All heavy atoms as atom14 arrays in JSON, in Angstrom:
{
  "sequence": "LIDLQIETNKMKEWYETENFELKNMILALENRVQELELCSEKVLGER",
  "atom14_mask": [
    [1, 1, 1, 1, 1, 1, 1, 1, 0, 0, 0, 0, 0, 0],
    [1, 1, 1, 1, 1, 1, 1, 1, 0, 0, 0, 0, 0, 0],
    [1, 1, 1, 1, 1, 1, 1, 1, 0, 0, 0, 0, 0, 0],
    [1, 1, 1, 1, 1, 1, 1, 1, 0, 0, 0, 0, 0, 0],
    [1, 1, 1, 1, 1, 1, 1, 1, 1, 0, 0, 0, 0, 0],
    [1, 1, 1, 1, 1, 1, 1, 1, 0, 0, 0, 0, 0, 0],
    [1, 1, 1, 1, 1, 1, 1, 1, 1, 0, 0, 0, 0, 0],
    [1, 1, 1, 1, 1, 1, 1, 0, 0, 0, 0, 0, 0, 0],
    [1, 1, 1, 1, 1, 1, 1, 1, 0, 0, 0, 0, 0, 0],
    [1, 1, 1, 1, 1, 1, 1, 1, 1, 0, 0, 0, 0, 0],
    [1, 1, 1, 1, 1, 1, 1, 1, 0, 0, 0, 0, 0, 0],
    [1, 1, 1, 1, 1, 1, 1, 1, 1, 0, 0, 0, 0, 0],
    [1, 1, 1, 1, 1, 1, 1, 1, 1, 0, 0, 0, 0, 0],
    [1, 1, 1, 1, 1, 1, 1, 1, 1, 1, 1, 1, 1, 1],
    [1, 1, 1, 1, 1, 1, 1, 1, 1, 1, 1, 1, 0, 0],
    [1, 1, 1, 1, 1, 1, 1, 1, 1, 0, 0, 0, 0, 0],
    [1, 1, 1, 1, 1, 1, 1, 0, 0, 0, 0, 0, 0, 0],
    [1, 1, 1, 1, 1, 1, 1, 1, 1, 0, 0, 0, 0, 0],
    [1, 1, 1, 1, 1, 1, 1, 1, 0, 0, 0, 0, 0, 0],
    [1, 1, 1, 1, 1, 1, 1, 1, 1, 1, 1, 0, 0, 0],
    [1, 1, 1, 1, 1, 1, 1, 1, 1, 0, 0, 0, 0, 0],
    [1, 1, 1, 1, 1, 1, 1, 1, 0, 0, 0, 0, 0, 0],
    [1, 1, 1, 1, 1, 1, 1, 1, 1, 0, 0, 0, 0, 0],
    [1, 1, 1, 1, 1, 1, 1, 1, 0, 0, 0, 0, 0, 0],
    [1, 1, 1, 1, 1, 1, 1, 1, 0, 0, 0, 0, 0, 0],
    [1, 1, 1, 1, 1, 1, 1, 1, 0, 0, 0, 0, 0, 0],
    [1, 1, 1, 1, 1, 1, 1, 1, 0, 0, 0, 0, 0, 0],
    [1, 1, 1, 1, 1, 0, 0, 0, 0, 0, 0, 0, 0, 0],
    [1, 1, 1, 1, 1, 1, 1, 1, 0, 0, 0, 0, 0, 0],
    [1, 1, 1, 1, 1, 1, 1, 1, 1, 0, 0, 0, 0, 0],
    [1, 1, 1, 1, 1, 1, 1, 1, 0, 0, 0, 0, 0, 0],
    [1, 1, 1, 1, 1, 1, 1, 1, 1, 1, 1, 0, 0, 0],
    [1, 1, 1, 1, 1, 1, 1, 0, 0, 0, 0, 0, 0, 0],
    [1, 1, 1, 1, 1, 1, 1, 1, 1, 0, 0, 0, 0, 0],
    [1, 1, 1, 1, 1, 1, 1, 1, 1, 0, 0, 0, 0, 0],
    [1, 1, 1, 1, 1, 1, 1, 1, 0, 0, 0, 0, 0, 0],
    [1, 1, 1, 1, 1, 1, 1, 1, 1, 0, 0, 0, 0, 0],
    [1, 1, 1, 1, 1, 1, 1, 1, 0, 0, 0, 0, 0, 0],
    [1, 1, 1, 1, 1, 1, 0, 0, 0, 0, 0, 0, 0, 0],
    [1, 1, 1, 1, 1, 1, 0, 0, 0, 0, 0, 0, 0, 0],
    [1, 1, 1, 1, 1, 1, 1, 1, 1, 0, 0, 0, 0, 0],
    [1, 1, 1, 1, 1, 1, 1, 1, 1, 0, 0, 0, 0, 0],
    [1, 1, 1, 1, 1, 1, 1, 0, 0, 0, 0, 0, 0, 0],
    [1, 1, 1, 1, 1, 1, 1, 1, 0, 0, 0, 0, 0, 0],
    [1, 1, 1, 1, 0, 0, 0, 0, 0, 0, 0, 0, 0, 0],
    [1, 1, 1, 1, 1, 1, 1, 1, 1, 0, 0, 0, 0, 0],
    [1, 1, 1, 1, 1, 1, 1, 1, 1, 1, 1, 0, 0, 0]
  ],
  "atom14_positions": [
    [[27.81, 6.26, 5.01], [27.2, 5.26, 4.14], [27.43, 3.85, 4.68], [26.51, 3.03, 4.72], [27.76, 5.38, 2.72], [27.21, 4.41, 1.69], [25.7, 4.61, 1.51], [27.92, 4.57, 0.36], [0.0, 0.0, 0.0], [0.0, 0.0, 0.0], [0.0, 0.0, 0.0], [0.0, 0.0, 0.0], [0.0, 0.0, 0.0], [0.0, 0.0, 0.0]],
    [[28.63, 3.58, 5.15], [28.94, 2.26, 5.73], [28.13, 2.04, 6.99], [27.57, 0.96, 7.21], [30.46, 2.13, 5.99], [31.2, 2.02, 4.65], [30.76, 0.93, 6.87], [32.7, 2.1, 4.76], [0.0, 0.0, 0.0], [0.0, 0.0, 0.0], [0.0, 0.0, 0.0], [0.0, 0.0, 0.0], [0.0, 0.0, 0.0], [0.0, 0.0, 0.0]],
    [[28.02, 3.09, 7.84], [27.2, 2.97, 9.04], [25.74, 2.68, 8.68], [25.08, 1.86, 9.33], [27.28, 4.25, 9.88], [28.64, 4.44, 10.54], [29.4, 3.44, 10.63], [28.95, 5.57, 10.96], [0.0, 0.0, 0.0], [0.0, 0.0, 0.0], [0.0, 0.0, 0.0], [0.0, 0.0, 0.0], [0.0, 0.0, 0.0], [0.0, 0.0, 0.0]],
    [[25.27, 3.35, 7.65], [23.9, 3.13, 7.19], [23.72, 1.71, 6.67], [22.71, 1.05, 6.95], [23.54, 4.14, 6.1], [22.11, 4.11, 5.58], [21.13, 4.41, 6.7], [21.94, 5.1, 4.45], [0.0, 0.0, 0.0], [0.0, 0.0, 0.0], [0.0, 0.0, 0.0], [0.0, 0.0, 0.0], [0.0, 0.0, 0.0], [0.0, 0.0, 0.0]],
    [[24.71, 1.21, 5.93], [24.64, -0.17, 5.43], [24.67, -1.17, 6.58], [23.95, -2.17, 6.56], [25.8, -0.44, 4.46], [25.63, 0.25, 3.12], [26.85, 0.1, 2.23], [27.94, -0.2, 2.71], [26.66, 0.32, 0.94], [0.0, 0.0, 0.0], [0.0, 0.0, 0.0], [0.0, 0.0, 0.0], [0.0, 0.0, 0.0], [0.0, 0.0, 0.0]],
    [[25.48, -0.9, 7.6], [25.53, -1.79, 8.77], [24.17, -1.79, 9.46], [23.65, -2.86, 9.82], [26.65, -1.34, 9.75], [28.02, -1.65, 9.14], [26.5, -2.02, 11.11], [29.18, -1.06, 9.9], [0.0, 0.0, 0.0], [0.0, 0.0, 0.0], [0.0, 0.0, 0.0], [0.0, 0.0, 0.0], [0.0, 0.0, 0.0], [0.0, 0.0, 0.0]],
    [[23.6, -0.63, 9.64], [22.28, -0.53, 10.28], [21.22, -1.24, 9.44], [20.37, -1.96, 9.97], [21.9, 0.94, 10.48], [20.65, 1.15, 11.29], [20.79, 0.71, 12.73], [21.91, 0.7, 13.27], [19.76, 0.35, 13.32], [0.0, 0.0, 0.0], [0.0, 0.0, 0.0], [0.0, 0.0, 0.0], [0.0, 0.0, 0.0], [0.0, 0.0, 0.0]],
    [[21.3, -1.07, 8.13], [20.36, -1.74, 7.22], [20.5, -3.25, 7.33], [19.51, -3.98, 7.4], [20.6, -1.29, 5.77], [20.46, 0.12, 5.68], [19.63, -1.96, 4.82], [0.0, 0.0, 0.0], [0.0, 0.0, 0.0], [0.0, 0.0, 0.0], [0.0, 0.0, 0.0], [0.0, 0.0, 0.0], [0.0, 0.0, 0.0], [0.0, 0.0, 0.0]],
    [[21.74, -3.73, 7.37], [21.98, -5.17, 7.51], [21.45, -5.7, 8.84], [20.9, -6.8, 8.91], [23.45, -5.5, 7.34], [23.91, -5.38, 5.9], [23.11, -5.44, 4.98], [25.2, -5.18, 5.7], [0.0, 0.0, 0.0], [0.0, 0.0, 0.0], [0.0, 0.0, 0.0], [0.0, 0.0, 0.0], [0.0, 0.0, 0.0], [0.0, 0.0, 0.0]],
    [[21.63, -4.91, 9.91], [21.11, -5.31, 11.22], [19.59, -5.41, 11.17], [19.0, -6.35, 11.71], [21.52, -4.32, 12.3], [22.96, -4.45, 12.73], [23.29, -3.44, 13.81], [24.75, -3.51, 14.22], [25.08, -2.5, 15.23], [0.0, 0.0, 0.0], [0.0, 0.0, 0.0], [0.0, 0.0, 0.0], [0.0, 0.0, 0.0], [0.0, 0.0, 0.0]],
    [[18.95, -4.43, 10.52], [17.5, -4.44, 10.4], [17.03, -5.61, 9.55], [16.03, -6.26, 9.88], [17.0, -3.12, 9.81], [17.17, -1.94, 10.77], [16.67, -0.38, 10.05], [14.91, -0.54, 10.12], [0.0, 0.0, 0.0], [0.0, 0.0, 0.0], [0.0, 0.0, 0.0], [0.0, 0.0, 0.0], [0.0, 0.0, 0.0], [0.0, 0.0, 0.0]],
    [[17.76, -5.92, 8.48], [17.41, -7.07, 7.65], [17.54, -8.35, 8.46], [16.68, -9.24, 8.38], [18.32, -7.15, 6.42], [17.96, -6.18, 5.33], [18.9, -6.36, 4.13], [18.61, -5.36, 3.04], [19.53, -5.49, 1.91], [0.0, 0.0, 0.0], [0.0, 0.0, 0.0], [0.0, 0.0, 0.0], [0.0, 0.0, 0.0], [0.0, 0.0, 0.0]],
    [[18.61, -8.47, 9.24], [18.83, -9.65, 10.07], [17.71, -9.79, 11.09], [17.17, -10.88, 11.3], [20.18, -9.55, 10.77], [20.52, -10.74, 11.62], [21.86, -10.6, 12.32], [22.66, -9.73, 11.95], [22.08, -11.36, 13.27], [0.0, 0.0, 0.0], [0.0, 0.0, 0.0], [0.0, 0.0, 0.0], [0.0, 0.0, 0.0], [0.0, 0.0, 0.0]],
    [[17.34, -8.67, 11.73], [16.24, -8.68, 12.7], [14.95, -9.11, 12.01], [14.19, -9.94, 12.55], [16.08, -7.31, 13.33], [14.91, -7.24, 14.26], [14.87, -7.65, 15.56], [13.6, -6.76, 13.96], [13.62, -7.45, 16.09], [12.83, -6.9, 15.12], [13.02, -6.23, 12.82], [11.49, -6.53, 15.16], [11.69, -5.86, 12.87], [10.95, -6.01, 14.03]],
    [[14.68, -8.55, 10.83], [13.48, -8.9, 10.07], [13.47, -10.39, 9.74], [12.45, -11.06, 9.91], [13.39, -8.06, 8.79], [12.39, -8.57, 7.81], [11.04, -8.34, 8.0], [12.79, -9.31, 6.7], [10.11, -8.83, 7.1], [11.87, -9.81, 5.81], [10.52, -9.56, 6.0], [9.62, -10.06, 5.12], [0.0, 0.0, 0.0], [0.0, 0.0, 0.0]],
    [[14.58, -10.89, 9.24], [14.66, -12.31, 8.87], [14.45, -13.19, 10.1], [13.76, -14.21, 10.04], [16.01, -12.63, 8.21], [16.2, -12.0, 6.85], [15.21, -12.5, 5.82], [14.82, -13.68, 5.89], [14.82, -11.71, 4.93], [0.0, 0.0, 0.0], [0.0, 0.0, 0.0], [0.0, 0.0, 0.0], [0.0, 0.0, 0.0], [0.0, 0.0, 0.0]],
    [[15.04, -12.81, 11.24], [14.88, -13.58, 12.48], [13.41, -13.59, 12.91], [12.86, -14.64, 13.23], [15.77, -12.99, 13.59], [17.12, -12.99, 13.15], [15.64, -13.77, 14.87], [0.0, 0.0, 0.0], [0.0, 0.0, 0.0], [0.0, 0.0, 0.0], [0.0, 0.0, 0.0], [0.0, 0.0, 0.0], [0.0, 0.0, 0.0], [0.0, 0.0, 0.0]],
    [[12.8, -12.41, 12.92], [11.4, -12.31, 13.32], [10.52, -13.11, 12.36], [9.61, -13.82, 12.79], [10.94, -10.84, 13.34], [11.46, -10.05, 14.51], [10.86, -10.52, 15.82], [9.64, -10.75, 15.89], [11.63, -10.68, 16.78], [0.0, 0.0, 0.0], [0.0, 0.0, 0.0], [0.0, 0.0, 0.0], [0.0, 0.0, 0.0], [0.0, 0.0, 0.0]],
    [[10.79, -12.97, 11.08], [10.02, -13.68, 10.06], [10.15, -15.19, 10.26], [9.15, -15.92, 10.23], [10.5, -13.26, 8.67], [9.54, -13.67, 7.58], [8.37, -13.91, 7.83], [10.03, -13.73, 6.37], [0.0, 0.0, 0.0], [0.0, 0.0, 0.0], [0.0, 0.0, 0.0], [0.0, 0.0, 0.0], [0.0, 0.0, 0.0], [0.0, 0.0, 0.0]],
    [[11.37, -15.65, 10.51], [11.61, -17.08, 10.75], [10.86, -17.55, 11.99], [10.2, -18.61, 11.96], [13.12, -17.32, 10.89], [13.49, -18.74, 11.17], [13.46, -19.68, 10.16], [13.86, -19.13, 12.45], [13.8, -21.0, 10.42], [14.2, -20.45, 12.71], [14.17, -21.39, 11.7], [0.0, 0.0, 0.0], [0.0, 0.0, 0.0], [0.0, 0.0, 0.0]],
    [[10.95, -16.8, 13.07], [10.27, -17.19, 14.3], [8.75, -17.21, 14.11], [8.07, -18.12, 14.61], [10.65, -16.24, 15.43], [12.08, -16.42, 15.92], [12.49, -15.41, 16.97], [11.66, -14.55, 17.35], [13.65, -15.47, 17.41], [0.0, 0.0, 0.0], [0.0, 0.0, 0.0], [0.0, 0.0, 0.0], [0.0, 0.0, 0.0], [0.0, 0.0, 0.0]],
    [[8.23, -16.22, 13.39], [6.78, -16.18, 13.17], [6.33, -17.34, 12.29], [5.28, -17.95, 12.54], [6.38, -14.85, 12.54], [6.47, -13.64, 13.47], [6.2, -12.36, 12.69], [5.5, -13.76, 14.63], [0.0, 0.0, 0.0], [0.0, 0.0, 0.0], [0.0, 0.0, 0.0], [0.0, 0.0, 0.0], [0.0, 0.0, 0.0], [0.0, 0.0, 0.0]],
    [[7.13, -17.67, 11.27], [6.78, -18.81, 10.43], [6.8, -20.1, 11.24], [5.93, -20.96, 11.08], [7.72, -18.91, 9.23], [7.43, -17.88, 8.16], [8.35, -18.02, 6.97], [8.01, -16.98, 5.92], [8.9, -17.07, 4.75], [0.0, 0.0, 0.0], [0.0, 0.0, 0.0], [0.0, 0.0, 0.0], [0.0, 0.0, 0.0], [0.0, 0.0, 0.0]],
    [[7.81, -20.25, 12.1], [7.86, -21.43, 12.97], [6.65, -21.49, 13.89], [6.08, -22.56, 14.12], [9.15, -21.44, 13.79], [10.34, -21.92, 13.0], [10.19, -22.55, 11.96], [11.52, -21.62, 13.48], [0.0, 0.0, 0.0], [0.0, 0.0, 0.0], [0.0, 0.0, 0.0], [0.0, 0.0, 0.0], [0.0, 0.0, 0.0], [0.0, 0.0, 0.0]],
    [[6.27, -20.32, 14.43], [5.12, -20.27, 15.32], [3.85, -20.65, 14.55], [3.01, -21.41, 15.07], [4.97, -18.86, 15.91], [3.96, -18.76, 17.02], [3.78, -17.09, 17.67], [5.42, -16.76, 18.27], [0.0, 0.0, 0.0], [0.0, 0.0, 0.0], [0.0, 0.0, 0.0], [0.0, 0.0, 0.0], [0.0, 0.0, 0.0], [0.0, 0.0, 0.0]],
    [[3.73, -20.16, 13.33], [2.56, -20.5, 12.51], [2.51, -22.0, 12.24], [1.46, -22.63, 12.35], [2.56, -19.7, 11.18], [2.23, -18.23, 11.46], [1.59, -20.28, 10.17], [2.44, -17.32, 10.28], [0.0, 0.0, 0.0], [0.0, 0.0, 0.0], [0.0, 0.0, 0.0], [0.0, 0.0, 0.0], [0.0, 0.0, 0.0], [0.0, 0.0, 0.0]],
    [[3.67, -22.57, 11.88], [3.72, -24.01, 11.63], [3.35, -24.81, 12.88], [2.61, -25.8, 12.81], [5.1, -24.42, 11.12], [5.44, -23.97, 9.7], [6.9, -24.31, 9.38], [4.52, -24.63, 8.7], [0.0, 0.0, 0.0], [0.0, 0.0, 0.0], [0.0, 0.0, 0.0], [0.0, 0.0, 0.0], [0.0, 0.0, 0.0], [0.0, 0.0, 0.0]],
    [[3.86, -24.37, 14.02], [3.55, -25.06, 15.27], [2.05, -24.98, 15.57], [1.43, -25.97, 15.98], [4.36, -24.47, 16.42], [0.0, 0.0, 0.0], [0.0, 0.0, 0.0], [0.0, 0.0, 0.0], [0.0, 0.0, 0.0], [0.0, 0.0, 0.0], [0.0, 0.0, 0.0], [0.0, 0.0, 0.0], [0.0, 0.0, 0.0], [0.0, 0.0, 0.0]],
    [[1.48, -23.8, 15.35], [0.04, -23.64, 15.59], [-0.79, -24.46, 14.6], [-1.82, -25.03, 14.98], [-0.35, -22.16, 15.53], [0.17, -21.3, 16.68], [-0.12, -19.83, 16.42], [-0.42, -21.74, 18.0], [0.0, 0.0, 0.0], [0.0, 0.0, 0.0], [0.0, 0.0, 0.0], [0.0, 0.0, 0.0], [0.0, 0.0, 0.0], [0.0, 0.0, 0.0]],
    [[-0.35, -24.51, 13.35], [-1.06, -25.33, 12.37], [-1.0, -26.81, 12.77], [-2.0, -27.53, 12.65], [-0.46, -25.13, 10.97], [-0.83, -23.81, 10.34], [-0.15, -23.57, 9.0], [0.77, -24.33, 8.64], [-0.56, -22.62, 8.31], [0.0, 0.0, 0.0], [0.0, 0.0, 0.0], [0.0, 0.0, 0.0], [0.0, 0.0, 0.0], [0.0, 0.0, 0.0]],
    [[0.18, -27.25, 13.24], [0.29, -28.63, 13.72], [-0.64, -28.88, 14.9], [-1.28, -29.93, 14.98], [1.74, -28.95, 14.1], [2.63, -29.12, 12.9], [2.17, -29.4, 11.81], [3.93, -28.96, 13.1], [0.0, 0.0, 0.0], [0.0, 0.0, 0.0], [0.0, 0.0, 0.0], [0.0, 0.0, 0.0], [0.0, 0.0, 0.0], [0.0, 0.0, 0.0]],
    [[-0.69, -27.91, 15.8], [-1.57, -28.05, 16.98], [-3.03, -28.12, 16.54], [-3.81, -28.92, 17.07], [-1.34, -26.87, 17.94], [-2.15, -26.93, 19.19], [-1.73, -28.06, 20.08], [-2.55, -28.04, 21.29], [-2.96, -29.1, 21.92], [-2.6, -30.29, 21.51], [-3.71, -28.99, 22.99], [0.0, 0.0, 0.0], [0.0, 0.0, 0.0], [0.0, 0.0, 0.0]],
    [[-3.41, -27.31, 15.56], [-4.78, -27.33, 15.04], [-5.09, -28.7, 14.44], [-6.16, -29.27, 14.68], [-5.0, -26.2, 14.01], [-6.28, -26.39, 13.23], [-5.02, -24.84, 14.7], [0.0, 0.0, 0.0], [0.0, 0.0, 0.0], [0.0, 0.0, 0.0], [0.0, 0.0, 0.0], [0.0, 0.0, 0.0], [0.0, 0.0, 0.0], [0.0, 0.0, 0.0]],
    [[-4.14, -29.23, 13.67], [-4.34, -30.56, 13.08], [-4.48, -31.63, 14.17], [-5.35, -32.51, 14.08], [-3.2, -30.92, 12.13], [-3.24, -30.15, 10.83], [-2.07, -30.49, 9.92], [-1.13, -31.16, 10.33], [-2.14, -30.03, 8.68], [0.0, 0.0, 0.0], [0.0, 0.0, 0.0], [0.0, 0.0, 0.0], [0.0, 0.0, 0.0], [0.0, 0.0, 0.0]],
    [[-3.64, -31.54, 15.19], [-3.74, -32.49, 16.3], [-5.12, -32.4, 16.97], [-5.74, -33.42, 17.28], [-2.66, -32.23, 17.34], [-1.26, -32.61, 16.92], [-0.2, -32.18, 17.94], [-0.57, -31.74, 19.05], [0.99, -32.31, 17.61], [0.0, 0.0, 0.0], [0.0, 0.0, 0.0], [0.0, 0.0, 0.0], [0.0, 0.0, 0.0], [0.0, 0.0, 0.0]],
    [[-5.57, -31.16, 17.2], [-6.87, -30.97, 17.83], [-8.01, -31.46, 16.94], [-8.99, -32.03, 17.45], [-7.07, -29.5, 18.2], [-6.19, -28.98, 19.34], [-6.36, -27.48, 19.5], [-6.5, -29.7, 20.64], [0.0, 0.0, 0.0], [0.0, 0.0, 0.0], [0.0, 0.0, 0.0], [0.0, 0.0, 0.0], [0.0, 0.0, 0.0], [0.0, 0.0, 0.0]],
    [[-7.87, -31.26, 15.63], [-8.89, -31.76, 14.71], [-8.94, -33.28, 14.74], [-10.02, -33.88, 14.77], [-8.64, -31.26, 13.29], [-8.98, -29.79, 13.11], [-8.59, -29.25, 11.73], [-7.86, -29.95, 10.99], [-9.02, -28.13, 11.41], [0.0, 0.0, 0.0], [0.0, 0.0, 0.0], [0.0, 0.0, 0.0], [0.0, 0.0, 0.0], [0.0, 0.0, 0.0]],
    [[-7.75, -33.92, 14.75], [-7.71, -35.38, 14.84], [-8.3, -35.86, 16.16], [-9.06, -36.83, 16.2], [-6.28, -35.89, 14.69], [-5.68, -35.78, 13.29], [-4.2, -36.17, 13.32], [-6.44, -36.65, 12.3], [0.0, 0.0, 0.0], [0.0, 0.0, 0.0], [0.0, 0.0, 0.0], [0.0, 0.0, 0.0], [0.0, 0.0, 0.0], [0.0, 0.0, 0.0]],
    [[-7.95, -35.17, 17.23], [-8.48, -35.52, 18.55], [-9.99, -35.33, 18.56], [-10.73, -36.16, 19.11], [-7.8, -34.66, 19.61], [-8.23, -35.11, 21.29], [0.0, 0.0, 0.0], [0.0, 0.0, 0.0], [0.0, 0.0, 0.0], [0.0, 0.0, 0.0], [0.0, 0.0, 0.0], [0.0, 0.0, 0.0], [0.0, 0.0, 0.0], [0.0, 0.0, 0.0]],
    [[-10.46, -34.26, 17.94], [-11.89, -33.99, 17.88], [-12.61, -35.08, 17.09], [-13.67, -35.56, 17.51], [-12.14, -32.63, 17.23], [-13.51, -32.41, 17.04], [0.0, 0.0, 0.0], [0.0, 0.0, 0.0], [0.0, 0.0, 0.0], [0.0, 0.0, 0.0], [0.0, 0.0, 0.0], [0.0, 0.0, 0.0], [0.0, 0.0, 0.0], [0.0, 0.0, 0.0]],
    [[-12.01, -35.51, 15.97], [-12.6, -36.59, 15.19], [-12.65, -37.88, 16.02], [-13.65, -38.61, 15.99], [-11.81, -36.81, 13.9], [-11.98, -35.71, 12.89], [-11.09, -35.89, 11.66], [-10.45, -36.96, 11.54], [-11.03, -34.97, 10.84], [0.0, 0.0, 0.0], [0.0, 0.0, 0.0], [0.0, 0.0, 0.0], [0.0, 0.0, 0.0], [0.0, 0.0, 0.0]],
    [[-11.58, -38.13, 16.76], [-11.53, -39.33, 17.6], [-12.61, -39.26, 18.68], [-13.34, -40.23, 18.93], [-10.15, -39.45, 18.25], [-9.98, -40.65, 19.11], [-8.59, -40.69, 19.73], [-8.45, -41.85, 20.69], [-7.15, -41.85, 21.36], [0.0, 0.0, 0.0], [0.0, 0.0, 0.0], [0.0, 0.0, 0.0], [0.0, 0.0, 0.0], [0.0, 0.0, 0.0]],
    [[-12.73, -38.09, 19.31], [-13.74, -37.92, 20.36], [-15.14, -38.05, 19.77], [-16.03, -38.67, 20.38], [-13.54, -36.55, 21.07], [-14.73, -36.19, 21.94], [-12.27, -36.57, 21.9], [0.0, 0.0, 0.0], [0.0, 0.0, 0.0], [0.0, 0.0, 0.0], [0.0, 0.0, 0.0], [0.0, 0.0, 0.0], [0.0, 0.0, 0.0], [0.0, 0.0, 0.0]],
    [[-15.36, -37.49, 18.58], [-16.67, -37.61, 17.94], [-16.98, -39.07, 17.63], [-18.13, -39.53, 17.81], [-16.73, -36.77, 16.67], [-16.75, -35.25, 16.86], [-16.71, -34.55, 15.51], [-17.98, -34.83, 17.64], [0.0, 0.0, 0.0], [0.0, 0.0, 0.0], [0.0, 0.0, 0.0], [0.0, 0.0, 0.0], [0.0, 0.0, 0.0], [0.0, 0.0, 0.0]],
    [[-15.96, -39.8, 17.17], [-16.15, -41.23, 16.92], [-16.5, -41.98, 18.18], [-17.42, -42.82, 18.19], [0.0, 0.0, 0.0], [0.0, 0.0, 0.0], [0.0, 0.0, 0.0], [0.0, 0.0, 0.0], [0.0, 0.0, 0.0], [0.0, 0.0, 0.0], [0.0, 0.0, 0.0], [0.0, 0.0, 0.0], [0.0, 0.0, 0.0], [0.0, 0.0, 0.0]],
    [[-15.78, -41.68, 19.25], [-16.07, -42.32, 20.54], [-17.46, -41.95, 21.03], [-18.2, -42.8, 21.56], [-15.02, -41.93, 21.58], [-13.66, -42.55, 21.35], [-12.62, -42.09, 22.36], [-12.96, -41.31, 23.27], [-11.46, -42.52, 22.22], [0.0, 0.0, 0.0], [0.0, 0.0, 0.0], [0.0, 0.0, 0.0], [0.0, 0.0, 0.0], [0.0, 0.0, 0.0]],
    [[-17.83, -40.68, 20.85], [-19.16, -40.22, 21.27], [-20.24, -40.98, 20.51], [-21.23, -41.45, 21.1], [-19.3, -38.73, 21.02], [-20.66, -38.17, 21.47], [-20.99, -36.86, 20.83], [-21.16, -37.07, 19.39], [-21.32, -36.08, 18.53], [-21.29, -34.84, 18.94], [-21.5, -36.33, 17.25], [0.0, 0.0, 0.0], [0.0, 0.0, 0.0], [0.0, 0.0, 0.0]]
  ]
}
């Protein structure tokens, strides 16, 4: 039971780490999209 709990905790930790990294990646991509949209608006204005 203790071994199973340790394994469960490891899996939870892995899940939380992956979830955190994916959320960070999503935020970074959203920021990049916003930057590109601003750049696109600027380029359209210049055009």
